[in-house]
């Protein structure tokens, strides 16, 4: 026997087709809202916490919100039109999880509109997230000073750098691939990544920045400033329970730059100190410090490639299509200058640490404007 919740999961398979019907004008936003309100109301029986149902309800509400906003209604109109949905999604939410679809559950869940642009976006987010975790797992032991003198320390830092260079290439591939699907991604799909206030708490729309590995990198590397920490802390609410625990464990640990300072006997606060380390440290310390510098330079270059994605996919060739998520803003509501600010911080760290390299390879790029 098919339970009512299972009927919702069956119905959600039709969501891409019906969203496209609203987009092309063959289904009105009012009819769409009424149809899905009825489906959700039928799911209020047999309610128990289930992540897949949270994703389904959340995506339906984000879809309704997108269509109503497109028709000129105010932010939050979806929750006014389907008044029982907030209590439903809160009841469905497992302990510790956010009460909506987030990047981690969305990439493994249903689609909003289907098609190449959405499928490519999900695949690329999944692959880059996996590489970030590989990087952090590789360098994790190096938050202990004794680990820097071990033979495998060089391999850990070099493996992390290679994975980071792979991330950069993935971002540049996004520029080439998504450009061909710019309208589909920028003008259609992003409109479904809606922010909501649920249970009195504001939640941003689906955003690849809400990935625990991406959030933890600067903290673990030791290049995060106070601005970055104040930015990343509220993002924790967008993490699934197990991802938040994973992030918190790494964020609470030591940093590579701080630990390297312990190894050399002084904090590496500026370029002058870094140069002094290069001049007087034992050869093995200089070698590991240079490996770390190359990792940060690769991180800066990957960040520049990400900025190139934003410029090319969102800002190039301004849209002539009506949208509900302006290309000038991220799905978290922040202007892209915020992302550029993160890049500038990483570039400054790369420049700071570049002096740890030998004279023969100080010409390596720190991650300038990638194109």
Protein backbone atom coordinates (compact mmCIF):
# COMPACT_ATOMS: atom_id res chain seq x y z
CA UNK A 1 0.00 0.00 0.00
CA UNK A 2 1.34 3.45 -0.92
CA UNK A 3 1.37 5.81 2.06
CA UNK A 4 0.52 9.48 1.74
CA UNK A 5 4.14 10.60 2.16
CA UNK A 6 5.16 8.22 -0.64
CA UNK A 7 2.51 9.83 -2.84
CA UNK A 8 4.30 13.15 -2.35
CA UNK A 9 7.62 11.59 -3.39
CA UNK A 10 5.94 10.17 -6.48
CA UNK A 11 4.36 13.53 -7.29
CA UNK A 12 7.64 15.40 -6.91
CA UNK A 13 8.89 13.66 -10.05
CA UNK A 14 6.44 15.86 -11.97
CA UNK A 15 7.83 19.06 -10.48
CA UNK A 16 10.28 19.85 -13.32
CA UNK A 17 7.59 19.41 -15.97
CA UNK A 18 5.07 21.54 -14.10
CA UNK A 19 7.63 24.24 -13.30
CA UNK A 20 8.43 24.48 -16.98
CA UNK A 21 4.72 24.66 -17.76
CA UNK A 22 4.46 27.73 -15.54
CA UNK A 23 7.57 29.23 -17.15
CA UNK A 24 6.22 28.78 -20.68
CA UNK A 25 2.77 30.05 -19.71
CA UNK A 26 0.73 26.87 -20.17
CA UNK A 27 0.03 26.61 -16.42
CA UNK A 28 -0.81 29.60 -14.24
CA UNK A 29 0.99 30.21 -10.95
CA UNK A 30 -2.38 30.11 -9.19
CA UNK A 31 -3.25 26.69 -10.58
CA UNK A 32 0.25 25.44 -9.80
CA UNK A 33 -0.05 26.69 -6.21
CA UNK A 34 -3.50 25.17 -5.73
CA UNK A 35 -2.42 21.82 -7.16
CA UNK A 36 0.66 21.49 -5.00
CA UNK A 37 -1.10 22.85 -1.92
CA UNK A 38 -3.56 19.98 -2.23
CA UNK A 39 -0.72 17.47 -2.61
CA UNK A 40 1.09 18.84 0.45
CA UNK A 41 -2.06 18.92 2.54
CA UNK A 42 -2.57 15.24 1.80
CA UNK A 43 0.92 14.62 3.15
CA UNK A 44 0.19 16.03 6.60
CA UNK A 45 -0.99 12.59 7.72
CA UNK A 46 1.55 10.04 8.95
CA UNK A 47 4.07 12.83 9.53
CA UNK A 48 7.40 11.88 11.05
CA UNK A 49 10.86 13.37 10.55
CA UNK A 50 12.19 12.42 7.13
CA UNK A 51 14.88 14.31 5.24
CA UNK A 52 13.59 13.31 1.78
CA UNK A 53 10.16 14.77 2.61
CA UNK A 54 11.76 18.00 3.88
CA UNK A 55 13.52 18.34 0.53
CA UNK A 56 10.30 17.64 -1.37
CA UNK A 57 8.20 20.14 0.60
CA UNK A 58 10.98 22.72 0.51
CA UNK A 59 11.38 22.46 -3.25
CA UNK A 60 7.65 22.78 -3.76
CA UNK A 61 7.57 25.92 -1.62
CA UNK A 62 10.60 27.38 -3.40
CA UNK A 63 8.87 26.71 -6.72
CA UNK A 64 5.63 28.38 -5.58
CA UNK A 65 7.64 31.33 -4.25
CA UNK A 66 9.48 31.72 -7.55
CA UNK A 67 6.27 31.72 -9.61
CA UNK A 68 4.42 34.13 -7.31
CA UNK A 69 7.36 36.55 -7.24
CA UNK A 70 7.55 36.39 -11.03
CA UNK A 71 3.88 37.43 -11.10
CA UNK A 72 4.62 40.44 -8.91
CA UNK A 73 3.70 39.18 -5.43
CA UNK A 74 5.81 40.01 -2.37
CA UNK A 75 8.56 37.95 -0.74
CA UNK A 76 7.07 35.23 1.43
CA UNK A 77 3.85 35.00 -0.61
CA UNK A 78 4.18 31.21 -0.89
CA UNK A 79 3.87 30.74 2.88
CA UNK A 80 0.80 32.98 2.94
CA UNK A 81 -0.85 31.02 0.15
CA UNK A 82 -0.03 27.64 1.72
CA UNK A 83 -0.33 28.55 5.42
CA UNK A 84 0.02 25.03 6.82
CA UNK A 85 3.33 24.39 5.01
CA UNK A 86 5.55 25.98 7.65
CA UNK A 87 4.27 23.76 10.46
CA UNK A 88 4.44 20.75 8.13
CA UNK A 89 8.07 21.24 7.16
CA UNK A 90 9.11 21.94 10.75
CA UNK A 91 7.42 18.73 11.89
CA UNK A 92 9.15 16.78 9.12
CA UNK A 93 12.63 18.11 9.87
CA UNK A 94 15.01 15.67 11.63
CA UNK A 95 16.77 17.00 14.70
CA UNK A 96 19.74 19.18 13.77
CA UNK A 97 18.80 19.57 10.10
CA UNK A 98 17.71 22.82 8.46
CA UNK A 99 13.94 22.87 7.70
CA UNK A 100 14.32 23.21 3.94
CA UNK A 101 16.28 21.96 0.95
CA UNK A 102 19.95 22.95 1.11
CA UNK A 103 22.78 22.38 -1.32
CA UNK A 104 23.77 18.99 0.13
CA UNK A 105 20.25 17.56 0.01
CA UNK A 106 19.31 19.30 -3.26
CA UNK A 107 22.19 17.85 -5.30
CA UNK A 108 21.12 14.34 -4.24
CA UNK A 109 17.41 15.01 -4.56
CA UNK A 110 14.79 15.93 -7.17
CA UNK A 111 15.22 18.59 -9.85
CA UNK A 112 13.51 21.96 -10.15
CA UNK A 113 13.42 22.11 -13.94
CA UNK A 114 15.63 19.24 -15.14
CA UNK A 115 17.81 19.54 -18.21
CA UNK A 116 21.51 19.86 -18.91
CA UNK A 117 22.16 23.06 -16.93
CA UNK A 118 20.70 21.72 -13.67
CA UNK A 119 22.26 18.28 -14.05
CA UNK A 120 25.67 19.77 -14.82
CA UNK A 121 25.43 22.15 -11.85
CA UNK A 122 24.61 19.29 -9.47
CA UNK A 123 27.42 17.10 -10.82
CA UNK A 124 30.01 19.88 -10.60
CA UNK A 125 29.03 20.88 -7.06
CA UNK A 126 29.24 17.24 -6.00
CA UNK A 127 32.67 16.76 -7.58
CA UNK A 128 34.17 19.99 -6.22
CA UNK A 129 32.76 19.28 -2.75
CA UNK A 130 34.41 15.87 -2.83
CA UNK A 131 37.78 17.41 -3.74
CA UNK A 132 37.51 19.92 -0.88
CA UNK A 133 36.98 17.08 1.55
CA UNK A 134 39.95 15.21 0.07
CA UNK A 135 42.10 18.29 0.63
CA UNK A 136 41.01 18.74 4.23
CA UNK A 137 41.41 15.06 5.07
CA UNK A 138 44.90 15.09 3.55
CA UNK A 139 46.14 18.01 5.65
CA UNK A 140 44.23 17.20 8.86
CA UNK A 141 47.22 15.62 10.68
CA UNK A 142 49.30 18.74 10.01
CA UNK A 143 47.45 20.69 12.69
CA UNK A 144 49.86 18.91 15.05
CA UNK A 145 53.43 20.29 15.02
CA UNK A 146 55.09 16.87 15.17
CA UNK A 147 53.41 15.83 11.92
CA UNK A 148 55.36 18.40 9.87
CA UNK A 149 58.62 16.48 10.37
CA UNK A 150 57.17 13.17 9.26
CA UNK A 151 58.10 11.85 5.79
CA UNK A 152 54.47 11.84 4.63
CA UNK A 153 53.98 15.56 5.38
CA UNK A 154 55.35 16.52 1.97
CA UNK A 155 53.03 14.06 0.22
CA UNK A 156 50.02 15.38 2.15
CA UNK A 157 50.66 18.98 1.19
CA UNK A 158 51.47 18.14 -2.42
CA UNK A 159 48.41 15.93 -2.78
CA UNK A 160 46.25 18.73 -1.37
CA UNK A 161 47.79 21.18 -3.85
CA UNK A 162 47.13 18.85 -6.79
CA UNK A 163 43.50 18.44 -5.72
CA UNK A 164 43.20 22.22 -5.39
CA UNK A 165 44.59 22.66 -8.89
CA UNK A 166 41.97 20.16 -10.04
CA UNK A 167 39.29 22.36 -8.46
CA UNK A 168 40.62 25.33 -10.41
CA UNK A 169 40.36 23.39 -13.66
CA UNK A 170 36.80 22.36 -12.74
CA UNK A 171 35.82 26.00 -12.27
CA UNK A 172 37.36 26.95 -15.61
CA UNK A 173 35.49 24.08 -17.23
CA UNK A 174 32.29 25.54 -15.76
CA UNK A 175 33.01 28.76 -17.64
CA UNK A 176 33.20 26.87 -20.92
CA UNK A 177 30.31 24.50 -20.25
CA UNK A 178 27.74 26.75 -18.57
CA UNK A 179 28.26 29.61 -21.02
CA UNK A 180 26.38 27.49 -23.54
CA UNK A 181 23.57 27.09 -20.99
CA UNK A 182 23.67 30.62 -19.55
CA UNK A 183 19.99 31.41 -20.06
CA UNK A 184 18.88 28.10 -18.56
CA UNK A 185 21.11 28.42 -15.50
CA UNK A 186 21.13 32.16 -14.85
CA UNK A 187 17.63 33.21 -15.90
CA UNK A 188 15.61 30.09 -15.05
CA UNK A 189 17.21 27.70 -12.56
CA UNK A 190 18.61 30.31 -10.13
CA UNK A 191 15.13 31.74 -9.66
CA UNK A 192 14.17 28.59 -7.75
CA UNK A 193 16.99 29.01 -5.22
CA UNK A 194 14.75 31.11 -2.98
CA UNK A 195 15.49 32.33 0.53
CA UNK A 196 12.79 31.69 3.16
CA UNK A 197 12.06 32.59 6.76
CA UNK A 198 10.95 29.40 8.50
CA UNK A 199 10.18 29.19 12.20
CA UNK A 200 11.30 32.80 12.51
CA UNK A 201 14.80 31.99 11.17
CA UNK A 202 16.04 33.30 7.79
CA UNK A 203 17.44 30.64 5.45
CA UNK A 204 19.25 31.54 2.25
CA UNK A 205 18.47 29.87 -1.05
CA UNK A 206 20.34 26.82 -2.33
CA UNK A 207 23.96 27.93 -2.60
CA UNK A 208 27.15 26.01 -3.35
CA UNK A 209 28.90 28.18 -0.73
CA UNK A 210 26.92 26.24 1.91
CA UNK A 211 29.23 23.26 1.48
CA UNK A 212 31.17 22.34 4.63
CA UNK A 213 34.47 21.78 2.84
CA UNK A 214 34.31 25.15 1.10
CA UNK A 215 33.43 26.82 4.41
CA UNK A 216 36.28 25.14 6.30
CA UNK A 217 39.21 25.65 3.92
CA UNK A 218 40.30 29.15 4.96
CA UNK A 219 39.83 28.30 8.64
CA UNK A 220 41.93 25.13 8.44
CA UNK A 221 44.59 26.78 6.28
CA UNK A 222 44.80 29.64 8.80
CA UNK A 223 44.17 32.51 6.38
CA UNK A 224 40.64 33.41 7.55
CA UNK A 225 40.23 36.95 8.87
CA UNK A 226 37.54 38.24 11.24
CA UNK A 227 35.33 39.21 8.29
CA UNK A 228 35.44 35.66 6.97
CA UNK A 229 34.60 34.20 10.36
CA UNK A 230 31.61 36.52 10.76
CA UNK A 231 30.45 35.54 7.26
CA UNK A 232 30.79 31.80 7.62
CA UNK A 233 29.30 31.33 11.10
CA UNK A 234 25.66 32.04 10.08
CA UNK A 235 26.05 29.61 7.17
CA UNK A 236 26.23 26.71 9.64
CA UNK A 237 22.43 26.73 9.84
CA UNK A 238 22.33 25.60 6.19
CA UNK A 239 24.30 22.42 6.90
CA UNK A 240 22.80 18.99 7.45
CA UNK A 241 23.40 17.71 10.97
CA UNK A 242 26.31 15.41 10.07
CA UNK A 243 27.91 18.05 7.84
CA UNK A 244 27.69 20.64 10.63
CA UNK A 245 29.42 18.25 13.03
CA UNK A 246 32.12 17.59 10.42
CA UNK A 247 32.62 21.32 9.83
CA UNK A 248 32.65 22.21 13.53
CA UNK A 249 35.29 19.58 14.24
CA UNK A 250 37.61 21.07 11.61
CA UNK A 251 36.85 24.69 12.43
CA UNK A 252 37.63 24.06 16.13
CA UNK A 253 40.99 22.45 15.40
CA UNK A 254 44.29 24.16 14.83
CA UNK A 255 45.27 25.80 11.54
CA UNK A 256 48.13 24.90 9.24
CA UNK A 257 49.61 28.40 9.29
CA UNK A 258 49.40 28.56 13.08
CA UNK A 259 50.99 25.14 13.44
CA UNK A 260 53.76 26.01 10.98
CA UNK A 261 54.46 29.02 13.20
CA UNK A 262 54.86 26.65 16.16
CA UNK A 263 57.26 24.52 14.13
CA UNK A 264 59.50 27.46 13.23
CA UNK A 265 59.17 29.07 16.67
CA UNK A 266 57.43 32.31 15.69
CA UNK A 267 54.06 33.32 14.21
CA UNK A 268 54.28 33.92 10.46
CA UNK A 269 52.42 37.22 10.61
CA UNK A 270 53.81 39.02 7.60
CA UNK A 271 56.12 38.76 4.61
CA UNK A 272 59.17 39.87 6.58
CA UNK A 273 58.74 37.01 9.08
CA UNK A 274 58.08 34.56 6.25
CA UNK A 275 61.27 35.66 4.50
CA UNK A 276 63.23 35.28 7.73
CA UNK A 277 61.86 31.74 8.09
CA UNK A 278 63.06 30.97 4.58
CA UNK A 279 66.52 32.35 5.38
CA UNK A 280 67.25 30.70 8.72
CA UNK A 281 65.05 27.61 9.04
CA UNK A 282 66.37 24.09 8.68
CA UNK A 283 66.15 22.74 5.11
CA UNK A 284 63.29 20.35 5.88
CA UNK A 285 61.26 23.17 7.43
CA UNK A 286 61.89 25.39 4.40
CA UNK A 287 60.76 22.57 2.12
CA UNK A 288 57.51 21.99 4.04
CA UNK A 289 56.87 25.73 4.28
CA UNK A 290 57.32 26.00 0.51
CA UNK A 291 54.87 23.11 -0.01
CA UNK A 292 52.34 24.94 2.18
CA UNK A 293 52.87 28.18 0.27
CA UNK A 294 52.20 26.40 -3.02
CA UNK A 295 48.95 25.03 -1.58
CA UNK A 296 47.76 28.53 -0.60
CA UNK A 297 48.75 29.88 -4.01
CA UNK A 298 46.73 27.11 -5.65
CA UNK A 299 43.78 27.96 -3.37
CA UNK A 300 43.99 31.60 -4.44
CA UNK A 301 44.09 30.58 -8.11
CA UNK A 302 41.03 28.34 -7.65
CA UNK A 303 39.20 31.24 -5.99
CA UNK A 304 40.07 33.44 -8.98
CA UNK A 305 38.67 30.78 -11.31
CA UNK A 306 35.44 30.75 -9.28
CA UNK A 307 35.22 34.52 -9.73
CA UNK A 308 35.68 33.97 -13.45
CA UNK A 309 32.64 31.66 -13.40
CA UNK A 310 30.58 34.40 -11.77
CA UNK A 311 31.70 37.01 -14.28
CA UNK A 312 31.28 34.83 -17.32
CA UNK A 313 28.07 33.02 -16.47
CA UNK A 314 26.18 35.67 -14.49
CA UNK A 315 27.54 39.06 -15.49
CA UNK A 316 28.54 38.65 -19.15
CA UNK A 317 25.91 39.53 -21.76
CA UNK A 318 23.22 41.05 -19.48
CA UNK A 319 19.95 39.16 -19.50
CA UNK A 320 16.98 40.52 -21.42
CA UNK A 321 14.72 37.99 -19.68
CA UNK A 322 12.68 38.84 -16.59
CA UNK A 323 14.18 37.08 -13.56
CA UNK A 324 13.43 36.91 -9.84
CA UNK A 325 17.08 36.43 -8.81
CA UNK A 326 19.16 39.27 -10.31
CA UNK A 327 22.50 38.15 -11.81
CA UNK A 328 24.13 40.91 -9.72
CA UNK A 329 23.37 38.96 -6.51
CA UNK A 330 24.21 35.52 -5.24
CA UNK A 331 21.40 33.25 -4.09
CA UNK A 332 22.32 34.23 -0.53
CA UNK A 333 21.39 37.81 -1.37
CA UNK A 334 24.96 39.13 -1.22
CA UNK A 335 26.50 41.12 -4.08
CA UNK A 336 29.29 39.41 -5.97
CA UNK A 337 31.71 41.98 -4.59
CA UNK A 338 31.51 39.90 -1.41
CA UNK A 339 32.94 36.90 -3.29
CA UNK A 340 35.58 39.14 -4.80
CA UNK A 341 36.49 40.24 -1.28
CA UNK A 342 37.15 36.61 -0.33
CA UNK A 343 39.36 36.29 -3.41
CA UNK A 344 41.36 39.39 -2.43
CA UNK A 345 41.96 37.97 1.06
CA UNK A 346 43.27 34.73 -0.45
CA UNK A 347 45.45 36.61 -2.91
CA UNK A 348 46.93 38.62 -0.05
CA UNK A 349 47.71 35.41 1.84
CA UNK A 350 49.33 33.92 -1.26
CA UNK A 351 51.50 37.01 -1.71
CA UNK A 352 52.40 36.96 1.97
CA UNK A 353 53.55 33.33 1.80
CA UNK A 354 55.16 33.44 -1.62
CA UNK A 355 58.48 34.41 -0.05
CA UNK A 356 58.61 30.92 1.48
CA UNK A 357 59.33 29.61 -2.00
CA UNK A 358 62.83 29.34 -3.37
CA UNK A 359 63.98 32.14 -5.67
CA UNK A 360 63.68 29.80 -8.66
CA UNK A 361 59.90 29.41 -8.37
CA UNK A 362 58.72 32.68 -6.82
CA UNK A 363 57.35 33.55 -10.23
CA UNK A 364 54.42 31.19 -9.65
CA UNK A 365 51.10 33.04 -9.98
CA UNK A 366 49.25 33.82 -6.76
CA UNK A 367 45.83 33.49 -8.31
CA UNK A 368 45.25 36.67 -10.20
CA UNK A 369 42.14 37.34 -12.23
CA UNK A 370 41.53 34.08 -14.02
CA UNK A 371 39.85 34.23 -17.37
